[in-house]
Amino acid sequence: MAIMALDKCPTLPVFTFIFITIYISGYFIIFRNWKGKLRLEASSCLISLAHGTPAVLLSSYSILNSQTQLGFASPNTKLQSTVLEYSTAYFVVDLLHYVTFIPGESLFIAHHLATLYVFLTCRYLVHHGAVAILGLVFLAEVTSLCQNTWSLARYRKADVPAAAKFYGFVSPIFYAFYSLVRGIFGPILVYRMVVFYASGAPDGVIPRWAWVSWIIVIVSAILVSIFWVSNRWIDYYGERSDEVGGHDEVDALVALTAESSAEQKAAYEK
């Protein structure tokens, strides 16, 4: 019932206010003991958590429970438009976070601006195509819970042993899940979108400039995601190699110490 009611009430300003409230609560209450930049990053993770899983549920519900036959060029339903507003509000607030507090993160800022362009044009200009866009939202946010808990653990792993242990445990799971979604399922969906759009099927309802620009943004985002997770895998195996190397050095030192002690004992007995 709560999901069904979403298409009747809140609009973009309401959702934006909600995400601002969550961010402020994270900064001044939940993460008040965290220091400096980590406190800001953790607050950003909190609104990402508040957006991610609900966006997965709402986007899938809005597609699967539509009263009309849906396709990549179908008119946006009221609930789909509301879900687009929900995601737009999150990206607006997180963009403000980066522009205000961490302006040097140009890649994140560019990503958020490009994503907002797709959401806003689909919602307010084209009024069609939300099925494809929300399908991508589902894939983008299905890893959100895992990614944000991983991020929070990474922020504190140097200070909290439990965080370091969790980080070590969840990292390969998160990287594998992220690689599967962004490296396989995402490109498959985008390929199907390109084939559909290029066939001319959406002509007359989705302008060519719209779907071409959407595809450029989406492909760029997927490539950046693949590059990002590839670097995480490299870092992970580098850390593992350092750990193995560290263990080997310790073992060698222990063996050398034992050998030295044996030699000293033999010399003493002589």
C-alpha atoms as a PDB file:
ATOM      1  CA  MET A   1       0.000   0.000   0.000  1.00  0.00           C
ATOM      2  CA  ALA A   2       2.827   2.382   0.823  1.00  0.00           C
ATOM      3  CA  ILE A   3       4.430   1.793  -2.588  1.00  0.00           C
ATOM      4  CA  MET A   4       1.113   2.300  -4.403  1.00  0.00           C
ATOM      5  CA  ALA A   5       0.600   5.593  -2.597  1.00  0.00           C
ATOM      6  CA  LEU A   6       3.888   6.994  -3.865  1.00  0.00           C
ATOM      7  CA  ASP A   7       2.436   7.956  -7.245  1.00  0.00           C
ATOM      8  CA  LYS A   8      -0.134  10.175  -5.560  1.00  0.00           C
ATOM      9  CA  CYS A   9       1.852  12.405  -3.236  1.00  0.00           C
ATOM     10  CA  PRO A  10       5.532  13.338  -2.959  1.00  0.00           C
ATOM     11  CA  THR A  11       7.281  15.269  -5.664  1.00  0.00           C
ATOM     12  CA  LEU A  12      10.900  16.246  -6.201  1.00  0.00           C
ATOM     13  CA  PRO A  13      11.078  18.953  -3.480  1.00  0.00           C
ATOM     14  CA  VAL A  14       9.699  16.563  -0.841  1.00  0.00           C
ATOM     15  CA  PHE A  15      12.205  13.832  -1.678  1.00  0.00           C
ATOM     16  CA  THR A  16      15.018  16.387  -1.760  1.00  0.00           C
ATOM     17  CA  PHE A  17      14.069  17.582   1.716  1.00  0.00           C
ATOM     18  CA  ILE A  18      14.048  13.974   2.963  1.00  0.00           C
ATOM     19  CA  PHE A  19      17.556  13.289   1.660  1.00  0.00           C
ATOM     20  CA  ILE A  20      18.863  16.574   3.090  1.00  0.00           C
ATOM     21  CA  THR A  21      17.396  15.596   6.468  1.00  0.00           C
ATOM     22  CA  ILE A  22      19.058  12.180   6.303  1.00  0.00           C
ATOM     23  CA  TYR A  23      22.400  13.759   5.384  1.00  0.00           C
ATOM     24  CA  ILE A  24      22.211  16.259   8.243  1.00  0.00           C
ATOM     25  CA  SER A  25      21.200  13.499  10.683  1.00  0.00           C
ATOM     26  CA  GLY A  26      24.201  11.454   9.585  1.00  0.00           C
ATOM     27  CA  TYR A  27      26.615  14.349   9.957  1.00  0.00           C
ATOM     28  CA  PHE A  28      25.401  15.717  13.289  1.00  0.00           C
ATOM     29  CA  ILE A  29      24.108  12.566  15.004  1.00  0.00           C
ATOM     30  CA  ILE A  30      25.128   9.197  13.573  1.00  0.00           C
ATOM     31  CA  PHE A  31      28.699  10.085  12.557  1.00  0.00           C
ATOM     32  CA  ARG A  32      29.278  12.986  14.949  1.00  0.00           C
ATOM     33  CA  ASN A  33      32.399  11.298  16.396  1.00  0.00           C
ATOM     34  CA  TRP A  34      34.006  10.759  13.011  1.00  0.00           C
ATOM     35  CA  LYS A  35      36.698  13.211  11.978  1.00  0.00           C
ATOM     36  CA  GLY A  36      37.141  15.542   9.023  1.00  0.00           C
ATOM     37  CA  LYS A  37      36.485  14.282   5.506  1.00  0.00           C
ATOM     38  CA  LEU A  38      35.441  10.829   6.725  1.00  0.00           C
ATOM     39  CA  ARG A  39      32.454  12.350   8.521  1.00  0.00           C
ATOM     40  CA  LEU A  40      31.314  13.940   5.257  1.00  0.00           C
ATOM     41  CA  GLU A  41      31.915  10.776   3.237  1.00  0.00           C
ATOM     42  CA  ALA A  42      30.016   8.668   5.770  1.00  0.00           C
ATOM     43  CA  SER A  43      27.040  11.050   5.583  1.00  0.00           C
ATOM     44  CA  SER A  44      27.102  10.684   1.811  1.00  0.00           C
ATOM     45  CA  CYS A  45      27.107   6.892   2.239  1.00  0.00           C
ATOM     46  CA  LEU A  46      24.068   7.193   4.495  1.00  0.00           C
ATOM     47  CA  ILE A  47      21.941   8.938   1.872  1.00  0.00           C
ATOM     48  CA  SER A  48      23.205   6.469  -0.708  1.00  0.00           C
ATOM     49  CA  LEU A  49      21.990   3.641   1.529  1.00  0.00           C
ATOM     50  CA  ALA A  50      18.647   5.425   1.924  1.00  0.00           C
ATOM     51  CA  HIS A  51      18.367   5.665  -1.848  1.00  0.00           C
ATOM     52  CA  GLY A  52      19.834   2.403  -3.126  1.00  0.00           C
ATOM     53  CA  THR A  53      17.681  -0.470  -1.889  1.00  0.00           C
ATOM     54  CA  PRO A  54      14.399   1.508  -2.002  1.00  0.00           C
ATOM     55  CA  ALA A  55      15.238   2.524  -5.578  1.00  0.00           C
ATOM     56  CA  VAL A  56      15.753  -1.138  -6.493  1.00  0.00           C
ATOM     57  CA  LEU A  57      12.396  -2.108  -5.002  1.00  0.00           C
ATOM     58  CA  LEU A  58      10.504   0.877  -6.408  1.00  0.00           C
ATOM     59  CA  SER A  59      11.944   0.663  -9.904  1.00  0.00           C
ATOM     60  CA  SER A  60      11.233  -3.064 -10.196  1.00  0.00           C
ATOM     61  CA  TYR A  61       7.729  -2.636  -8.754  1.00  0.00           C
ATOM     62  CA  SER A  62       6.921   0.239 -11.108  1.00  0.00           C
ATOM     63  CA  ILE A  63       7.892  -1.895 -14.101  1.00  0.00           C
ATOM     64  CA  LEU A  64       6.476  -5.280 -13.098  1.00  0.00           C
ATOM     65  CA  ASN A  65       3.148  -4.002 -11.789  1.00  0.00           C
ATOM     66  CA  SER A  66       2.216  -1.576 -14.538  1.00  0.00           C
ATOM     67  CA  GLN A  67      -1.357  -1.736 -15.817  1.00  0.00           C
ATOM     68  CA  THR A  68      -0.222  -1.266 -19.419  1.00  0.00           C
ATOM     69  CA  GLN A  69       2.122  -3.165 -21.717  1.00  0.00           C
ATOM     70  CA  LEU A  70       5.584  -1.773 -21.284  1.00  0.00           C
ATOM     71  CA  GLY A  71       8.560  -1.374 -23.589  1.00  0.00           C
ATOM     72  CA  PHE A  72      11.621   0.813 -23.980  1.00  0.00           C
ATOM     73  CA  ALA A  73       9.492   3.540 -25.606  1.00  0.00           C
ATOM     74  CA  SER A  74       6.388   3.267 -23.423  1.00  0.00           C
ATOM     75  CA  PRO A  75       4.927   6.405 -21.831  1.00  0.00           C
ATOM     76  CA  ASN A  76       6.121   6.920 -18.277  1.00  0.00           C
ATOM     77  CA  THR A  77       3.549   5.860 -15.713  1.00  0.00           C
ATOM     78  CA  LYS A  78       2.836   8.073 -12.717  1.00  0.00           C
ATOM     79  CA  LEU A  79       4.723   5.731 -10.392  1.00  0.00           C
ATOM     80  CA  GLN A  80       7.706   5.526 -12.733  1.00  0.00           C
ATOM     81  CA  SER A  81       7.840   9.309 -12.867  1.00  0.00           C
ATOM     82  CA  THR A  82       7.773   9.409  -9.083  1.00  0.00           C
ATOM     83  CA  VAL A  83      10.632   6.905  -8.855  1.00  0.00           C
ATOM     84  CA  LEU A  84      12.622   9.057 -11.274  1.00  0.00           C
ATOM     85  CA  GLU A  85      12.003  12.023  -8.962  1.00  0.00           C
ATOM     86  CA  TYR A  86      13.133   9.947  -5.979  1.00  0.00           C
ATOM     87  CA  SER A  87      16.442   9.117  -7.654  1.00  0.00           C
ATOM     88  CA  THR A  88      16.795  12.679  -8.944  1.00  0.00           C
ATOM     89  CA  ALA A  89      16.456  14.026  -5.400  1.00  0.00           C
ATOM     90  CA  TYR A  90      19.214  11.738  -4.145  1.00  0.00           C
ATOM     91  CA  PHE A  91      21.624  12.755  -6.899  1.00  0.00           C
ATOM     92  CA  VAL A  92      20.846  16.444  -6.360  1.00  0.00           C
ATOM     93  CA  VAL A  93      21.684  16.215  -2.648  1.00  0.00           C
ATOM     94  CA  ASP A  94      24.793  14.103  -3.200  1.00  0.00           C
ATOM     95  CA  LEU A  95      25.917  16.497  -5.944  1.00  0.00           C
ATOM     96  CA  LEU A  96      25.556  19.387  -3.487  1.00  0.00           C
ATOM     97  CA  HIS A  97      27.659  17.382  -1.029  1.00  0.00           C
ATOM     98  CA  TYR A  98      30.513  17.049  -3.530  1.00  0.00           C
ATOM     99  CA  VAL A  99      30.320  20.567  -4.948  1.00  0.00           C
ATOM    100  CA  THR A 100      30.199  22.133  -1.477  1.00  0.00           C
ATOM    101  CA  PHE A 101      32.615  20.010   0.522  1.00  0.00           C
ATOM    102  CA  ILE A 102      34.732  17.963  -1.901  1.00  0.00           C
ATOM    103  CA  PRO A 103      34.906  19.978  -5.145  1.00  0.00           C
ATOM    104  CA  GLY A 104      38.087  18.180  -6.184  1.00  0.00           C
ATOM    105  CA  GLU A 105      36.116  14.987  -6.917  1.00  0.00           C
ATOM    106  CA  SER A 106      35.517  16.004 -10.517  1.00  0.00           C
ATOM    107  CA  LEU A 107      34.717  12.466 -11.693  1.00  0.00           C
ATOM    108  CA  PHE A 108      31.882  12.058  -9.184  1.00  0.00           C
ATOM    109  CA  ILE A 109      30.544  15.517  -9.988  1.00  0.00           C
ATOM    110  CA  ALA A 110      30.569  14.784 -13.722  1.00  0.00           C
ATOM    111  CA  HIS A 111      28.886  11.414 -13.115  1.00  0.00           C
ATOM    112  CA  HIS A 112      26.111  12.990 -11.038  1.00  0.00           C
ATOM    113  CA  LEU A 113      25.511  15.783 -13.547  1.00  0.00           C
ATOM    114  CA  ALA A 114      25.283  13.299 -16.423  1.00  0.00           C
ATOM    115  CA  THR A 115      22.943  11.030 -14.465  1.00  0.00           C
ATOM    116  CA  LEU A 116      20.708  13.968 -13.579  1.00  0.00           C
ATOM    117  CA  TYR A 117      20.585  14.933 -17.245  1.00  0.00           C
ATOM    118  CA  VAL A 118      19.190  11.493 -18.124  1.00  0.00           C
ATOM    119  CA  PHE A 119      16.660  11.484 -15.273  1.00  0.00           C
ATOM    120  CA  LEU A 120      15.424  15.023 -15.882  1.00  0.00           C
ATOM    121  CA  THR A 121      15.051  14.704 -19.638  1.00  0.00           C
ATOM    122  CA  CYS A 122      13.265  11.366 -19.312  1.00  0.00           C
ATOM    123  CA  ARG A 123      10.944  12.680 -16.593  1.00  0.00           C
ATOM    124  CA  TYR A 124      10.206  16.252 -17.674  1.00  0.00           C
ATOM    125  CA  LEU A 125      10.929  16.524 -21.419  1.00  0.00           C
ATOM    126  CA  VAL A 126      10.493  13.176 -23.161  1.00  0.00           C
ATOM    127  CA  HIS A 127       7.904  11.555 -20.869  1.00  0.00           C
ATOM    128  CA  HIS A 128       8.783   8.160 -22.360  1.00  0.00           C
ATOM    129  CA  GLY A 129      11.521   5.594 -21.832  1.00  0.00           C
ATOM    130  CA  ALA A 130      11.402   5.209 -18.053  1.00  0.00           C
ATOM    131  CA  VAL A 131      11.305   1.416 -18.353  1.00  0.00           C
ATOM    132  CA  ALA A 132      14.836   1.330 -19.762  1.00  0.00           C
ATOM    133  CA  ILE A 133      16.137   4.029 -17.426  1.00  0.00           C
ATOM    134  CA  LEU A 134      14.656   2.400 -14.324  1.00  0.00           C
ATOM    135  CA  GLY A 135      16.020  -0.951 -15.456  1.00  0.00           C
ATOM    136  CA  LEU A 136      19.443   0.663 -15.357  1.00  0.00           C
ATOM    137  CA  VAL A 137      18.655   2.203 -11.972  1.00  0.00           C
ATOM    138  CA  PHE A 138      17.886  -1.300 -10.711  1.00  0.00           C
ATOM    139  CA  LEU A 139      21.263  -2.587 -11.919  1.00  0.00           C
ATOM    140  CA  ALA A 140      23.132   0.474 -10.667  1.00  0.00           C
ATOM    141  CA  GLU A 141      21.631   0.358  -7.189  1.00  0.00           C
ATOM    142  CA  VAL A 142      21.370  -3.390  -6.558  1.00  0.00           C
ATOM    143  CA  THR A 143      25.000  -3.270  -5.375  1.00  0.00           C
ATOM    144  CA  SER A 144      24.393  -0.178  -3.211  1.00  0.00           C
ATOM    145  CA  LEU A 145      24.006  -1.935   0.144  1.00  0.00           C
ATOM    146  CA  CYS A 146      27.160  -3.942  -0.358  1.00  0.00           C
ATOM    147  CA  GLN A 147      29.126  -0.986  -1.728  1.00  0.00           C
ATOM    148  CA  ASN A 148      28.206   1.422   1.045  1.00  0.00           C
ATOM    149  CA  THR A 149      28.886  -1.008   3.887  1.00  0.00           C
ATOM    150  CA  TRP A 150      32.220  -1.742   2.172  1.00  0.00           C
ATOM    151  CA  SER A 151      32.939   1.991   1.978  1.00  0.00           C
ATOM    152  CA  LEU A 152      32.094   2.600   5.639  1.00  0.00           C
ATOM    153  CA  ALA A 153      34.348  -0.287   6.674  1.00  0.00           C
ATOM    154  CA  ARG A 154      37.146   1.062   4.460  1.00  0.00           C
ATOM    155  CA  TYR A 155      36.919   4.469   6.146  1.00  0.00           C
ATOM    156  CA  ARG A 156      37.451   2.963   9.616  1.00  0.00           C
ATOM    157  CA  LYS A 157      39.621  -0.098   8.949  1.00  0.00           C
ATOM    158  CA  ALA A 158      42.763   1.685  10.120  1.00  0.00           C
ATOM    159  CA  ASP A 159      41.179   2.534  13.499  1.00  0.00           C
ATOM    160  CA  VAL A 160      38.678  -0.236  14.217  1.00  0.00           C
ATOM    161  CA  PRO A 161      39.823  -3.900  14.056  1.00  0.00           C
ATOM    162  CA  ALA A 162      36.267  -5.122  13.430  1.00  0.00           C
ATOM    163  CA  ALA A 163      35.984  -2.762  10.451  1.00  0.00           C
ATOM    164  CA  ALA A 164      39.283  -4.029   9.054  1.00  0.00           C
ATOM    165  CA  LYS A 165      38.129  -7.636   9.421  1.00  0.00           C
ATOM    166  CA  PHE A 166      34.794  -6.911   7.748  1.00  0.00           C
ATOM    167  CA  TYR A 167      36.516  -4.981   4.965  1.00  0.00           C
ATOM    168  CA  GLY A 168      38.800  -7.913   4.250  1.00  0.00           C
ATOM    169  CA  PHE A 169      35.853 -10.313   4.219  1.00  0.00           C
ATOM    170  CA  VAL A 170      33.422  -8.293   2.107  1.00  0.00           C
ATOM    171  CA  SER A 171      35.860  -6.838  -0.456  1.00  0.00           C
ATOM    172  CA  PRO A 172      36.101  -9.849  -2.832  1.00  0.00           C
ATOM    173  CA  ILE A 173      32.346 -10.477  -2.505  1.00  0.00           C
ATOM    174  CA  PHE A 174      31.529  -6.872  -3.355  1.00  0.00           C
ATOM    175  CA  TYR A 175      34.041  -6.729  -6.225  1.00  0.00           C
ATOM    176  CA  ALA A 176      32.671  -9.953  -7.746  1.00  0.00           C
ATOM    177  CA  PHE A 177      29.045  -8.823  -7.404  1.00  0.00           C
ATOM    178  CA  TYR A 178      29.835  -5.386  -8.811  1.00  0.00           C
ATOM    179  CA  SER A 179      31.814  -6.893 -11.708  1.00  0.00           C
ATOM    180  CA  LEU A 180      28.938  -9.215 -12.579  1.00  0.00           C
ATOM    181  CA  VAL A 181      26.326  -6.453 -12.576  1.00  0.00           C
ATOM    182  CA  ARG A 182      28.333  -3.662 -14.199  1.00  0.00           C
ATOM    183  CA  GLY A 183      30.457  -5.812 -16.461  1.00  0.00           C
ATOM    184  CA  ILE A 184      27.844  -8.276 -17.787  1.00  0.00           C
ATOM    185  CA  PHE A 185      24.204  -7.448 -17.008  1.00  0.00           C
ATOM    186  CA  GLY A 186      24.609  -3.704 -17.585  1.00  0.00           C
ATOM    187  CA  PRO A 187      26.166  -4.026 -21.055  1.00  0.00           C
ATOM    188  CA  ILE A 188      23.537  -6.617 -22.047  1.00  0.00           C
ATOM    189  CA  LEU A 189      20.708  -4.214 -21.189  1.00  0.00           C
ATOM    190  CA  VAL A 190      22.428  -1.322 -22.950  1.00  0.00           C
ATOM    191  CA  TYR A 191      22.955  -3.471 -26.051  1.00  0.00           C
ATOM    192  CA  ARG A 192      19.242  -4.275 -26.142  1.00  0.00           C
ATOM    193  CA  MET A 193      18.451  -0.572 -25.756  1.00  0.00           C
ATOM    194  CA  VAL A 194      20.742   0.389 -28.638  1.00  0.00           C
ATOM    195  CA  VAL A 195      19.261  -2.273 -30.932  1.00  0.00           C
ATOM    196  CA  PHE A 196      15.749  -1.096 -30.105  1.00  0.00           C
ATOM    197  CA  TYR A 197      16.452   2.619 -30.471  1.00  0.00           C
ATOM    198  CA  ALA A 198      18.492   2.211 -33.668  1.00  0.00           C
ATOM    199  CA  SER A 199      15.677   0.192 -35.255  1.00  0.00           C
ATOM    200  CA  GLY A 200      13.572   3.351 -35.409  1.00  0.00           C
ATOM    201  CA  ALA A 201      10.876   1.863 -33.162  1.00  0.00           C
ATOM    202  CA  PRO A 202      10.843   4.832 -30.755  1.00  0.00           C
ATOM    203  CA  ASP A 203      10.736   7.495 -33.485  1.00  0.00           C
ATOM    204  CA  GLY A 204       7.975   9.963 -32.801  1.00  0.00           C
ATOM    205  CA  VAL A 205       7.955   9.425 -29.015  1.00  0.00           C
ATOM    206  CA  ILE A 206      11.641   9.500 -28.030  1.00  0.00           C
ATOM    207  CA  PRO A 207      13.645  12.065 -30.048  1.00  0.00           C
ATOM    208  CA  ARG A 208      16.892  10.843 -31.537  1.00  0.00           C
ATOM    209  CA  TRP A 209      18.900  13.454 -29.623  1.00  0.00           C
ATOM    210  CA  ALA A 210      17.472  12.080 -26.386  1.00  0.00           C
ATOM    211  CA  TRP A 211      18.229   8.402 -26.786  1.00  0.00           C
ATOM    212  CA  VAL A 212      21.620   9.038 -28.397  1.00  0.00           C
ATOM    213  CA  SER A 213      22.668  11.271 -25.517  1.00  0.00           C
ATOM    214  CA  TRP A 214      21.304   8.764 -22.996  1.00  0.00           C
ATOM    215  CA  ILE A 215      23.332   5.963 -24.553  1.00  0.00           C
ATOM    216  CA  ILE A 216      26.495   8.100 -24.527  1.00  0.00           C
ATOM    217  CA  VAL A 217      26.037   8.865 -20.831  1.00  0.00           C
ATOM    218  CA  ILE A 218      25.164   5.273 -19.933  1.00  0.00           C
ATOM    219  CA  VAL A 219      28.045   3.695 -21.873  1.00  0.00           C
ATOM    220  CA  SER A 220      30.472   6.209 -20.360  1.00  0.00           C
ATOM    221  CA  ALA A 221      29.206   5.384 -16.863  1.00  0.00           C
ATOM    222  CA  ILE A 222      29.591   1.645 -17.456  1.00  0.00           C
ATOM    223  CA  LEU A 223      33.128   2.068 -18.773  1.00  0.00           C
ATOM    224  CA  VAL A 224      34.064   4.174 -15.744  1.00  0.00           C
ATOM    225  CA  SER A 225      32.515   1.543 -13.453  1.00  0.00           C
ATOM    226  CA  ILE A 226      34.498  -1.244 -15.115  1.00  0.00           C
ATOM    227  CA  PHE A 227      37.685   0.820 -14.848  1.00  0.00           C
ATOM    228  CA  TRP A 228      36.941   1.535 -11.178  1.00  0.00           C
ATOM    229  CA  VAL A 229      36.292  -2.077 -10.173  1.00  0.00           C
ATOM    230  CA  SER A 230      39.336  -3.235 -12.184  1.00  0.00           C
ATOM    231  CA  ASN A 231      41.479  -0.933 -10.061  1.00  0.00           C
ATOM    232  CA  ARG A 232      39.861  -2.353  -6.929  1.00  0.00           C
ATOM    233  CA  TRP A 233      40.769  -5.882  -8.029  1.00  0.00           C
ATOM    234  CA  ILE A 234      44.342  -4.759  -8.688  1.00  0.00           C
ATOM    235  CA  ASP A 235      44.531  -3.160  -5.233  1.00  0.00           C
ATOM    236  CA  TYR A 236      43.017  -6.274  -3.653  1.00  0.00           C
ATOM    237  CA  TYR A 237      45.521  -8.674  -5.188  1.00  0.00           C
ATOM    238  CA  GLY A 238      48.306  -6.222  -4.410  1.00  0.00           C
ATOM    239  CA  GLU A 239      47.284  -6.190  -0.750  1.00  0.00           C
ATOM    240  CA  ARG A 240      47.053  -9.993  -0.745  1.00  0.00           C
ATOM    241  CA  SER A 241      50.531 -10.247  -2.245  1.00  0.00           C
ATOM    242  CA  ASP A 242      51.901  -7.869   0.368  1.00  0.00           C
ATOM    243  CA  GLU A 243      50.324  -9.988   3.108  1.00  0.00           C
ATOM    244  CA  VAL A 244      51.840 -13.169   1.695  1.00  0.00           C
ATOM    245  CA  GLY A 245      55.175 -11.425   1.296  1.00  0.00           C
ATOM    246  CA  GLY A 246      54.946 -10.170   4.860  1.00  0.00           C
ATOM    247  CA  HIS A 247      54.250 -13.678   6.137  1.00  0.00           C
ATOM    248  CA  ASP A 248      57.212 -15.023   4.152  1.00  0.00           C
ATOM    249  CA  GLU A 249      59.477 -12.366   5.629  1.00  0.00           C
ATOM    250  CA  VAL A 250      58.328 -13.255   9.139  1.00  0.00           C
ATOM    251  CA  ASP A 251      58.845 -16.962   8.490  1.00  0.00           C
ATOM    252  CA  ALA A 252      62.295 -16.273   7.105  1.00  0.00           C
ATOM    253  CA  LEU A 253      63.172 -14.129  10.122  1.00  0.00           C
ATOM    254  CA  VAL A 254      61.956 -16.840  12.505  1.00  0.00           C
ATOM    255  CA  ALA A 255      63.968 -19.469  10.645  1.00  0.00           C
ATOM    256  CA  LEU A 256      67.071 -17.250  10.654  1.00  0.00           C
ATOM    257  CA  THR A 257      66.678 -16.588  14.374  1.00  0.00           C
ATOM    258  CA  ALA A 258      66.285 -20.307  15.099  1.00  0.00           C
ATOM    259  CA  GLU A 259      69.355 -21.123  13.002  1.00  0.00           C
ATOM    260  CA  SER A 260      71.377 -18.455  14.772  1.00  0.00           C
ATOM    261  CA  SER A 261      70.294 -19.763  18.171  1.00  0.00           C
ATOM    262  CA  ALA A 262      71.259 -23.296  17.163  1.00  0.00           C
ATOM    263  CA  GLU A 263      74.696 -22.133  16.038  1.00  0.00           C
ATOM    264  CA  GLN A 264      75.220 -20.240  19.286  1.00  0.00           C
ATOM    265  CA  LYS A 265      74.186 -23.296  21.288  1.00  0.00           C
ATOM    266  CA  ALA A 266      76.568 -25.537  19.349  1.00  0.00           C
ATOM    267  CA  ALA A 267      79.420 -23.099  19.836  1.00  0.00           C
ATOM    268  CA  TYR A 268      78.696 -22.921  23.558  1.00  0.00           C
ATOM    269  CA  GLU A 269      78.681 -26.711  23.910  1.00  0.00           C
ATOM    270  CA  LYS A 270      82.062 -26.930  22.216  1.00  0.00           C
END
